[in-house]
Amino acid sequence: MKWSVSLVAEGDRIIQLEEVVDLADAVAANNGVATGMGTHSYGARMDVEADDSDHAVELAMKIFQTAVATAGLPAWPITHAETLTDDEDLVEDGDW
């Protein structure tokens, strides 16, 4: 099953636009987008294939941690994780 996973990490300094762009580039292969410019956090939403929500988060965290290192961001703790299936995502985005 395809899952959309959102992860957020929080820390102690403001994230710059260039860092968010680098993170977005690093998660792009997983249909990912990144956020965080001007905040004390950075995050990404990406797609993964998994049997259940817990496994989806586990897989996404590995991708996220690699992307964070590739982008040169600090390895802050992940403070938020959320999953949606493709069906749930369509309903949320389109308000069907």
PDB file of N, CA and C in Angstrom:
ATOM      1  N   MET A   1       0.839  -1.168   0.000  1.00  0.00           N
ATOM      2  CA  MET A   1       0.000   0.000   0.000  1.00  0.00           C
ATOM      3  C   MET A   1       0.892   1.242   0.000  1.00  0.00           C
ATOM      4  N   LYS A   2       0.456   2.255  -0.703  1.00  0.00           N
ATOM      5  CA  LYS A   2       1.205   3.509  -0.765  1.00  0.00           C
ATOM      6  C   LYS A   2       0.741   4.430   0.365  1.00  0.00           C
ATOM      7  N   TRP A   3       1.721   4.997   1.069  1.00  0.00           N
ATOM      8  CA  TRP A   3       1.473   5.904   2.180  1.00  0.00           C
ATOM      9  C   TRP A   3       2.149   7.238   1.926  1.00  0.00           C
ATOM     10  N   SER A   4       1.529   8.306   2.345  1.00  0.00           N
ATOM     11  CA  SER A   4       2.143   9.622   2.384  1.00  0.00           C
ATOM     12  C   SER A   4       2.503   9.876   3.842  1.00  0.00           C
ATOM     13  N   VAL A   5       3.780  10.116   4.092  1.00  0.00           N
ATOM     14  CA  VAL A   5       4.268  10.280   5.465  1.00  0.00           C
ATOM     15  C   VAL A   5       4.847  11.678   5.635  1.00  0.00           C
ATOM     16  N   SER A   6       4.401  12.370   6.667  1.00  0.00           N
ATOM     17  CA  SER A   6       4.934  13.688   7.011  1.00  0.00           C
ATOM     18  C   SER A   6       5.737  13.566   8.299  1.00  0.00           C
ATOM     19  N   LEU A   7       6.937  14.119   8.281  1.00  0.00           N
ATOM     20  CA  LEU A   7       7.822  14.104   9.445  1.00  0.00           C
ATOM     21  C   LEU A   7       8.313  15.521   9.725  1.00  0.00           C
ATOM     22  N   VAL A   8       8.459  15.858  10.989  1.00  0.00           N
ATOM     23  CA  VAL A   8       8.982  17.164  11.395  1.00  0.00           C
ATOM     24  C   VAL A   8      10.030  16.951  12.473  1.00  0.00           C
ATOM     25  N   ALA A   9      11.133  17.678  12.349  1.00  0.00           N
ATOM     26  CA  ALA A   9      12.190  17.677  13.361  1.00  0.00           C
ATOM     27  C   ALA A   9      12.337  19.101  13.887  1.00  0.00           C
ATOM     28  N   GLU A  10      12.523  19.239  15.197  1.00  0.00           N
ATOM     29  CA  GLU A  10      12.642  20.562  15.808  1.00  0.00           C
ATOM     30  C   GLU A  10      13.977  20.725  16.491  1.00  0.00           C
ATOM     31  N   GLY A  11      14.487  21.973  16.461  1.00  0.00           N
ATOM     32  CA  GLY A  11      15.784  22.245  17.058  1.00  0.00           C
ATOM     33  C   GLY A  11      15.913  23.653  17.584  1.00  0.00           C
ATOM     34  N   ASP A  12      17.151  24.138  17.561  1.00  0.00           N
ATOM     35  CA  ASP A  12      17.473  25.360  18.284  1.00  0.00           C
ATOM     36  C   ASP A  12      17.952  26.529  17.432  1.00  0.00           C
ATOM     37  N   ARG A  13      17.680  26.489  16.134  1.00  0.00           N
ATOM     38  CA  ARG A  13      18.046  27.642  15.303  1.00  0.00           C
ATOM     39  C   ARG A  13      17.067  27.757  14.137  1.00  0.00           C
ATOM     40  N   ILE A  14      17.102  28.895  13.494  1.00  0.00           N
ATOM     41  CA  ILE A  14      16.216  29.173  12.355  1.00  0.00           C
ATOM     42  C   ILE A  14      16.750  28.470  11.102  1.00  0.00           C
ATOM     43  N   ILE A  15      15.847  27.847  10.367  1.00  0.00           N
ATOM     44  CA  ILE A  15      16.205  27.157   9.124  1.00  0.00           C
ATOM     45  C   ILE A  15      16.127  28.140   7.955  1.00  0.00           C
ATOM     46  N   GLN A  16      17.150  28.122   7.123  1.00  0.00           N
ATOM     47  CA  GLN A  16      17.246  29.026   5.978  1.00  0.00           C
ATOM     48  C   GLN A  16      16.619  28.409   4.727  1.00  0.00           C
ATOM     49  N   LEU A  17      16.225  29.263   3.789  1.00  0.00           N
ATOM     50  CA  LEU A  17      15.611  28.821   2.544  1.00  0.00           C
ATOM     51  C   LEU A  17      16.483  27.811   1.808  1.00  0.00           C
ATOM     52  N   GLU A  18      17.776  28.053   1.721  1.00  0.00           N
ATOM     53  CA  GLU A  18      18.680  27.154   1.005  1.00  0.00           C
ATOM     54  C   GLU A  18      18.665  25.748   1.600  1.00  0.00           C
ATOM     55  N   GLU A  19      18.535  25.667   2.915  1.00  0.00           N
ATOM     56  CA  GLU A  19      18.492  24.369   3.579  1.00  0.00           C
ATOM     57  C   GLU A  19      17.213  23.610   3.226  1.00  0.00           C
ATOM     58  N   VAL A  20      16.093  24.314   3.158  1.00  0.00           N
ATOM     59  CA  VAL A  20      14.827  23.676   2.789  1.00  0.00           C
ATOM     60  C   VAL A  20      14.893  23.208   1.337  1.00  0.00           C
ATOM     61  N   VAL A  21      15.491  24.009   0.468  1.00  0.00           N
ATOM     62  CA  VAL A  21      15.644  23.621  -0.940  1.00  0.00           C
ATOM     63  C   VAL A  21      16.502  22.358  -1.033  1.00  0.00           C
ATOM     64  N   ASP A  22      17.590  22.300  -0.282  1.00  0.00           N
ATOM     65  CA  ASP A  22      18.453  21.112  -0.285  1.00  0.00           C
ATOM     66  C   ASP A  22      17.711  19.884   0.230  1.00  0.00           C
ATOM     67  N   LEU A  23      16.892  20.066   1.271  1.00  0.00           N
ATOM     68  CA  LEU A  23      16.103  18.955   1.792  1.00  0.00           C
ATOM     69  C   LEU A  23      15.069  18.504   0.762  1.00  0.00           C
ATOM     70  N   ALA A  24      14.427  19.456   0.102  1.00  0.00           N
ATOM     71  CA  ALA A  24      13.450  19.117  -0.946  1.00  0.00           C
ATOM     72  C   ALA A  24      14.106  18.315  -2.061  1.00  0.00           C
ATOM     73  N   ASP A  25      15.296  18.721  -2.458  1.00  0.00           N
ATOM     74  CA  ASP A  25      16.031  17.973  -3.491  1.00  0.00           C
ATOM     75  C   ASP A  25      16.317  16.550  -3.022  1.00  0.00           C
ATOM     76  N   ALA A  26      16.648  16.407  -1.747  1.00  0.00           N
ATOM     77  CA  ALA A  26      17.026  15.097  -1.213  1.00  0.00           C
ATOM     78  C   ALA A  26      15.835  14.139  -1.061  1.00  0.00           C
ATOM     79  N   VAL A  27      14.618  14.659  -0.932  1.00  0.00           N
ATOM     80  CA  VAL A  27      13.440  13.783  -0.812  1.00  0.00           C
ATOM     81  C   VAL A  27      12.645  13.703  -2.111  1.00  0.00           C
ATOM     82  N   ALA A  28      13.085  14.395  -3.134  1.00  0.00           N
ATOM     83  CA  ALA A  28      12.346  14.456  -4.402  1.00  0.00           C
ATOM     84  C   ALA A  28      12.142  13.081  -5.030  1.00  0.00           C
ATOM     85  N   ALA A  29      13.092  12.186  -4.881  1.00  0.00           N
ATOM     86  CA  ALA A  29      12.976  10.849  -5.473  1.00  0.00           C
ATOM     87  C   ALA A  29      11.795  10.068  -4.899  1.00  0.00           C
ATOM     88  N   ASN A  30      11.314  10.460  -3.726  1.00  0.00           N
ATOM     89  CA  ASN A  30      10.171   9.814  -3.091  1.00  0.00           C
ATOM     90  C   ASN A  30       8.924  10.694  -3.182  1.00  0.00           C
ATOM     91  N   ASN A  31       8.861  11.479  -4.268  1.00  0.00           N
ATOM     92  CA  ASN A  31       7.730  12.379  -4.481  1.00  0.00           C
ATOM     93  C   ASN A  31       7.581  13.315  -3.285  1.00  0.00           C
ATOM     94  N   GLY A  32       8.719  13.739  -2.734  1.00  0.00           N
ATOM     95  CA  GLY A  32       8.713  14.505  -1.494  1.00  0.00           C
ATOM     96  C   GLY A  32       8.740  16.005  -1.677  1.00  0.00           C
ATOM     97  N   VAL A  33       8.273  16.676  -0.636  1.00  0.00           N
ATOM     98  CA  VAL A  33       8.350  18.129  -0.520  1.00  0.00           C
ATOM     99  C   VAL A  33       8.890  18.438   0.871  1.00  0.00           C
ATOM    100  N   ALA A  34       9.458  19.636   1.028  1.00  0.00           N
ATOM    101  CA  ALA A  34      10.061  20.010   2.312  1.00  0.00           C
ATOM    102  C   ALA A  34       9.522  21.353   2.787  1.00  0.00           C
ATOM    103  N   THR A  35       9.583  21.556   4.104  1.00  0.00           N
ATOM    104  CA  THR A  35       9.118  22.800   4.717  1.00  0.00           C
ATOM    105  C   THR A  35      10.092  23.218   5.816  1.00  0.00           C
ATOM    106  N   GLY A  36       9.907  24.444   6.303  1.00  0.00           N
ATOM    107  CA  GLY A  36      10.653  24.849   7.482  1.00  0.00           C
ATOM    108  C   GLY A  36      11.342  26.190   7.424  1.00  0.00           C
ATOM    109  N   MET A  37      11.397  26.843   6.269  1.00  0.00           N
ATOM    110  CA  MET A  37      12.123  28.105   6.178  1.00  0.00           C
ATOM    111  C   MET A  37      11.627  29.116   7.215  1.00  0.00           C
ATOM    112  N   GLY A  38      12.559  29.702   7.941  1.00  0.00           N
ATOM    113  CA  GLY A  38      12.232  30.733   8.905  1.00  0.00           C
ATOM    114  C   GLY A  38      11.675  30.222  10.224  1.00  0.00           C
ATOM    115  N   THR A  39      11.758  28.922  10.460  1.00  0.00           N
ATOM    116  CA  THR A  39      11.249  28.337  11.704  1.00  0.00           C
ATOM    117  C   THR A  39      12.357  27.576  12.426  1.00  0.00           C
ATOM    118  N   HIS A  40      12.045  27.099  13.605  1.00  0.00           N
ATOM    119  CA  HIS A  40      12.970  26.262  14.376  1.00  0.00           C
ATOM    120  C   HIS A  40      12.720  24.795  14.104  1.00  0.00           C
ATOM    121  N   SER A  41      12.232  24.480  12.913  1.00  0.00           N
ATOM    122  CA  SER A  41      11.974  23.088  12.536  1.00  0.00           C
ATOM    123  C   SER A  41      12.120  22.935  11.033  1.00  0.00           C
ATOM    124  N   TYR A  42      12.280  21.706  10.610  1.00  0.00           N
ATOM    125  CA  TYR A  42      12.231  21.380   9.190  1.00  0.00           C
ATOM    126  C   TYR A  42      11.442  20.091   9.062  1.00  0.00           C
ATOM    127  N   GLY A  43      10.871  19.891   7.901  1.00  0.00           N
ATOM    128  CA  GLY A  43      10.069  18.696   7.722  1.00  0.00           C
ATOM    129  C   GLY A  43       9.971  18.309   6.265  1.00  0.00           C
ATOM    130  N   ALA A  44       9.417  17.135   6.052  1.00  0.00           N
ATOM    131  CA  ALA A  44       9.216  16.642   4.690  1.00  0.00           C
ATOM    132  C   ALA A  44       7.998  15.733   4.664  1.00  0.00           C
ATOM    133  N   ARG A  45       7.372  15.729   3.510  1.00  0.00           N
ATOM    134  CA  ARG A  45       6.289  14.783   3.240  1.00  0.00           C
ATOM    135  C   ARG A  45       6.729  13.976   2.042  1.00  0.00           C
ATOM    136  N   MET A  46       6.631  12.639   2.161  1.00  0.00           N
ATOM    137  CA  MET A  46       7.100  11.769   1.083  1.00  0.00           C
ATOM    138  C   MET A  46       6.226  10.545   0.986  1.00  0.00           C
ATOM    139  N   ASP A  47       6.322   9.860  -0.142  1.00  0.00           N
ATOM    140  CA  ASP A  47       5.561   8.642  -0.380  1.00  0.00           C
ATOM    141  C   ASP A  47       6.438   7.420  -0.168  1.00  0.00           C
ATOM    142  N   VAL A  48       5.872   6.412   0.475  1.00  0.00           N
ATOM    143  CA  VAL A  48       6.547   5.121   0.669  1.00  0.00           C
ATOM    144  C   VAL A  48       5.545   3.991   0.466  1.00  0.00           C
ATOM    145  N   GLU A  49       6.055   2.821   0.132  1.00  0.00           N
ATOM    146  CA  GLU A  49       5.248   1.608   0.040  1.00  0.00           C
ATOM    147  C   GLU A  49       5.467   0.804   1.319  1.00  0.00           C
ATOM    148  N   ALA A  50       4.349   0.478   2.004  1.00  0.00           N
ATOM    149  CA  ALA A  50       4.450  -0.287   3.252  1.00  0.00           C
ATOM    150  C   ALA A  50       3.133  -1.002   3.514  1.00  0.00           C
ATOM    151  N   ASP A  51       3.198  -2.037   4.364  1.00  0.00           N
ATOM    152  CA  ASP A  51       2.006  -2.805   4.705  1.00  0.00           C
ATOM    153  C   ASP A  51       1.085  -2.078   5.682  1.00  0.00           C
ATOM    154  N   ASP A  52       1.685  -1.242   6.553  1.00  0.00           N
ATOM    155  CA  ASP A  52       0.861  -0.543   7.545  1.00  0.00           C
ATOM    156  C   ASP A  52       1.516   0.792   7.901  1.00  0.00           C
ATOM    157  N   SER A  53       0.804   1.578   8.687  1.00  0.00           N
ATOM    158  CA  SER A  53       1.253   2.918   9.046  1.00  0.00           C
ATOM    159  C   SER A  53       2.584   2.912   9.801  1.00  0.00           C
ATOM    160  N   ASP A  54       2.746   1.999  10.751  1.00  0.00           N
ATOM    161  CA  ASP A  54       3.987   1.945  11.528  1.00  0.00           C
ATOM    162  C   ASP A  54       5.190   1.664  10.642  1.00  0.00           C
ATOM    163  N   HIS A  55       5.035   0.724   9.724  1.00  0.00           N
ATOM    164  CA  HIS A  55       6.127   0.396   8.809  1.00  0.00           C
ATOM    165  C   HIS A  55       6.396   1.568   7.866  1.00  0.00           C
ATOM    166  N   ALA A  56       5.355   2.275   7.455  1.00  0.00           N
ATOM    167  CA  ALA A  56       5.526   3.445   6.600  1.00  0.00           C
ATOM    168  C   ALA A  56       6.354   4.515   7.297  1.00  0.00           C
ATOM    169  N   VAL A  57       6.070   4.757   8.565  1.00  0.00           N
ATOM    170  CA  VAL A  57       6.839   5.744   9.339  1.00  0.00           C
ATOM    171  C   VAL A  57       8.289   5.294   9.470  1.00  0.00           C
ATOM    172  N   GLU A  58       8.492   4.024   9.766  1.00  0.00           N
ATOM    173  CA  GLU A  58       9.852   3.482   9.899  1.00  0.00           C
ATOM    174  C   GLU A  58      10.652   3.691   8.612  1.00  0.00           C
ATOM    175  N   LEU A  59      10.058   3.362   7.474  1.00  0.00           N
ATOM    176  CA  LEU A  59      10.748   3.539   6.190  1.00  0.00           C
ATOM    177  C   LEU A  59      10.997   5.016   5.904  1.00  0.00           C
ATOM    178  N   ALA A  60       9.988   5.852   6.144  1.00  0.00           N
ATOM    179  CA  ALA A  60      10.127   7.284   5.880  1.00  0.00           C
ATOM    180  C   ALA A  60      11.194   7.915   6.764  1.00  0.00           C
ATOM    181  N   MET A  61      11.294   7.463   8.020  1.00  0.00           N
ATOM    182  CA  MET A  61      12.315   8.012   8.913  1.00  0.00           C
ATOM    183  C   MET A  61      13.721   7.727   8.382  1.00  0.00           C
ATOM    184  N   LYS A  62      13.942   6.557   7.832  1.00  0.00           N
ATOM    185  CA  LYS A  62      15.252   6.235   7.260  1.00  0.00           C
ATOM    186  C   LYS A  62      15.552   7.140   6.069  1.00  0.00           C
ATOM    187  N   ILE A  63      14.574   7.318   5.194  1.00  0.00           N
ATOM    188  CA  ILE A  63      14.745   8.200   4.036  1.00  0.00           C
ATOM    189  C   ILE A  63      14.995   9.622   4.509  1.00  0.00           C
ATOM    190  N   PHE A  64      14.217  10.069   5.481  1.00  0.00           N
ATOM    191  CA  PHE A  64      14.321  11.420   6.023  1.00  0.00           C
ATOM    192  C   PHE A  64      15.699  11.665   6.625  1.00  0.00           C
ATOM    193  N   GLN A  65      16.176  10.735   7.429  1.00  0.00           N
ATOM    194  CA  GLN A  65      17.485  10.904   8.067  1.00  0.00           C
ATOM    195  C   GLN A  65      18.609  10.971   7.033  1.00  0.00           C
ATOM    196  N   THR A  66      18.511  10.170   5.988  1.00  0.00           N
ATOM    197  CA  THR A  66      19.501  10.229   4.912  1.00  0.00           C
ATOM    198  C   THR A  66      19.407  11.570   4.194  1.00  0.00           C
ATOM    199  N   ALA A  67      18.187  12.023   3.929  1.00  0.00           N
ATOM    200  CA  ALA A  67      17.983  13.300   3.247  1.00  0.00           C
ATOM    201  C   ALA A  67      18.499  14.469   4.091  1.00  0.00           C
ATOM    202  N   VAL A  68      18.273  14.420   5.391  1.00  0.00           N
ATOM    203  CA  VAL A  68      18.754  15.460   6.299  1.00  0.00           C
ATOM    204  C   VAL A  68      20.282  15.536   6.239  1.00  0.00           C
ATOM    205  N   ALA A  69      20.939  14.393   6.282  1.00  0.00           N
ATOM    206  CA  ALA A  69      22.407  14.365   6.200  1.00  0.00           C
ATOM    207  C   ALA A  69      22.882  14.886   4.844  1.00  0.00           C
ATOM    208  N   THR A  70      22.206  14.467   3.769  1.00  0.00           N
ATOM    209  CA  THR A  70      22.568  14.927   2.425  1.00  0.00           C
ATOM    210  C   THR A  70      22.424  16.441   2.309  1.00  0.00           C
ATOM    211  N   ALA A  71      21.379  16.984   2.924  1.00  0.00           N
ATOM    212  CA  ALA A  71      21.126  18.425   2.870  1.00  0.00           C
ATOM    213  C   ALA A  71      22.032  19.213   3.816  1.00  0.00           C
ATOM    214  N   GLY A  72      22.755  18.524   4.691  1.00  0.00           N
ATOM    215  CA  GLY A  72      23.639  19.200   5.633  1.00  0.00           C
ATOM    216  C   GLY A  72      22.906  19.854   6.794  1.00  0.00           C
ATOM    217  N   LEU A  73      21.691  19.395   7.053  1.00  0.00           N
ATOM    218  CA  LEU A  73      20.924  19.927   8.187  1.00  0.00           C
ATOM    219  C   LEU A  73      21.358  19.254   9.487  1.00  0.00           C
ATOM    220  N   PRO A  74      21.142  19.919  10.616  1.00  0.00           N
ATOM    221  CA  PRO A  74      21.451  19.281  11.897  1.00  0.00           C
ATOM    222  C   PRO A  74      20.506  18.099  12.142  1.00  0.00           C
ATOM    223  N   ALA A  75      20.996  17.070  12.787  1.00  0.00           N
ATOM    224  CA  ALA A  75      20.210  15.863  13.064  1.00  0.00           C
ATOM    225  C   ALA A  75      19.365  16.076  14.321  1.00  0.00           C
ATOM    226  N   TRP A  76      18.303  16.859  14.183  1.00  0.00           N
ATOM    227  CA  TRP A  76      17.408  17.133  15.299  1.00  0.00           C
ATOM    228  C   TRP A  76      16.433  15.983  15.501  1.00  0.00           C
ATOM    229  N   PRO A  77      15.864  15.880  16.692  1.00  0.00           N
ATOM    230  CA  PRO A  77      14.887  14.811  16.947  1.00  0.00           C
ATOM    231  C   PRO A  77      13.589  15.035  16.163  1.00  0.00           C
ATOM    232  N   ILE A  78      13.036  13.939  15.684  1.00  0.00           N
ATOM    233  CA  ILE A  78      11.750  13.987  14.996  1.00  0.00           C
ATOM    234  C   ILE A  78      10.666  14.112  16.056  1.00  0.00           C
ATOM    235  N   THR A  79       9.865  15.171  15.939  1.00  0.00           N
ATOM    236  CA  THR A  79       8.853  15.456  16.957  1.00  0.00           C
ATOM    237  C   THR A  79       7.433  15.198  16.479  1.00  0.00           C
ATOM    238  N   HIS A  80       7.268  14.929  15.195  1.00  0.00           N
ATOM    239  CA  HIS A  80       5.921  14.701  14.661  1.00  0.00           C
ATOM    240  C   HIS A  80       6.007  13.749  13.473  1.00  0.00           C
ATOM    241  N   ALA A  81       5.098  12.793  13.437  1.00  0.00           N
ATOM    242  CA  ALA A  81       4.979  11.880  12.297  1.00  0.00           C
ATOM    243  C   ALA A  81       3.491  11.646  12.039  1.00  0.00           C
ATOM    244  N   GLU A  82       3.119  11.702  10.771  1.00  0.00           N
ATOM    245  CA  GLU A  82       1.725  11.499  10.381  1.00  0.00           C
ATOM    246  C   GLU A  82       1.684  10.710   9.084  1.00  0.00           C
ATOM    247  N   THR A  83       0.731   9.798   8.978  1.00  0.00           N
ATOM    248  CA  THR A  83       0.591   9.010   7.760  1.00  0.00           C
ATOM    249  C   THR A  83      -0.822   9.136   7.207  1.00  0.00           C
ATOM    250  N   LEU A  84      -0.889   9.043   5.887  1.00  0.00           N
ATOM    251  CA  LEU A  84      -2.160   8.988   5.174  1.00  0.00           C
ATOM    252  C   LEU A  84      -2.020   7.973   4.057  1.00  0.00           C
ATOM    253  N   THR A  85      -3.057   7.206   3.799  1.00  0.00           N
ATOM    254  CA  THR A  85      -3.055   6.350   2.613  1.00  0.00           C
ATOM    255  C   THR A  85      -3.399   7.222   1.418  1.00  0.00           C
ATOM    256  N   ASP A  86      -3.181   6.708   0.216  1.00  0.00           N
ATOM    257  CA  ASP A  86      -3.555   7.462  -0.978  1.00  0.00           C
ATOM    258  C   ASP A  86      -5.024   7.849  -0.953  1.00  0.00           C
ATOM    259  N   ASP A  87      -5.895   6.945  -0.530  1.00  0.00           N
ATOM    260  CA  ASP A  87      -7.331   7.236  -0.481  1.00  0.00           C
ATOM    261  C   ASP A  87      -7.637   8.367   0.497  1.00  0.00           C
ATOM    262  N   GLU A  88      -7.023   8.340   1.672  1.00  0.00           N
ATOM    263  CA  GLU A  88      -7.231   9.389   2.660  1.00  0.00           C
ATOM    264  C   GLU A  88      -6.693  10.721   2.166  1.00  0.00           C
ATOM    265  N   ASP A  89      -5.545  10.678   1.485  1.00  0.00           N
ATOM    266  CA  ASP A  89      -4.908  11.869   0.956  1.00  0.00           C
ATOM    267  C   ASP A  89      -5.801  12.542  -0.075  1.00  0.00           C
ATOM    268  N   LEU A  90      -6.405  11.766  -0.937  1.00  0.00           N
ATOM    269  CA  LEU A  90      -7.306  12.313  -1.952  1.00  0.00           C
ATOM    270  C   LEU A  90      -8.500  12.993  -1.311  1.00  0.00           C
ATOM    271  N   VAL A  91      -9.034  12.397  -0.276  1.00  0.00           N
ATOM    272  CA  VAL A  91     -10.182  12.992   0.406  1.00  0.00           C
ATOM    273  C   VAL A  91      -9.776  14.296   1.080  1.00  0.00           C
ATOM    274  N   GLU A  92      -8.626  14.267   1.769  1.00  0.00           N
ATOM    275  CA  GLU A  92      -8.175  15.476   2.466  1.00  0.00           C
ATOM    276  C   GLU A  92      -7.885  16.608   1.484  1.00  0.00           C
ATOM    277  N   ASP A  93      -7.144  16.319   0.419  1.00  0.00           N
ATOM    278  CA  ASP A  93      -6.766  17.345  -0.537  1.00  0.00           C
ATOM    279  C   ASP A  93      -7.951  17.874  -1.328  1.00  0.00           C
ATOM    280  N   GLY A  94      -8.881  17.005  -1.663  1.00  0.00           N
ATOM    281  CA  GLY A  94     -10.003  17.410  -2.497  1.00  0.00           C
ATOM    282  C   GLY A  94     -11.287  17.666  -1.743  1.00  0.00           C
ATOM    283  N   ASP A  95     -11.306  17.382  -0.454  1.00  0.00           N
ATOM    284  CA  ASP A  95     -12.521  17.514   0.361  1.00  0.00           C
ATOM    285  C   ASP A  95     -13.722  16.864  -0.303  1.00  0.00           C
ATOM    286  N   TRP A  96     -13.582  15.652  -0.745  1.00  0.00           N
ATOM    287  CA  TRP A  96     -14.669  14.953  -1.432  1.00  0.00           C
ATOM    288  C   TRP A  96     -15.721  14.583  -0.465  1.00  0.00           C
TER     289      TRP A  96
END
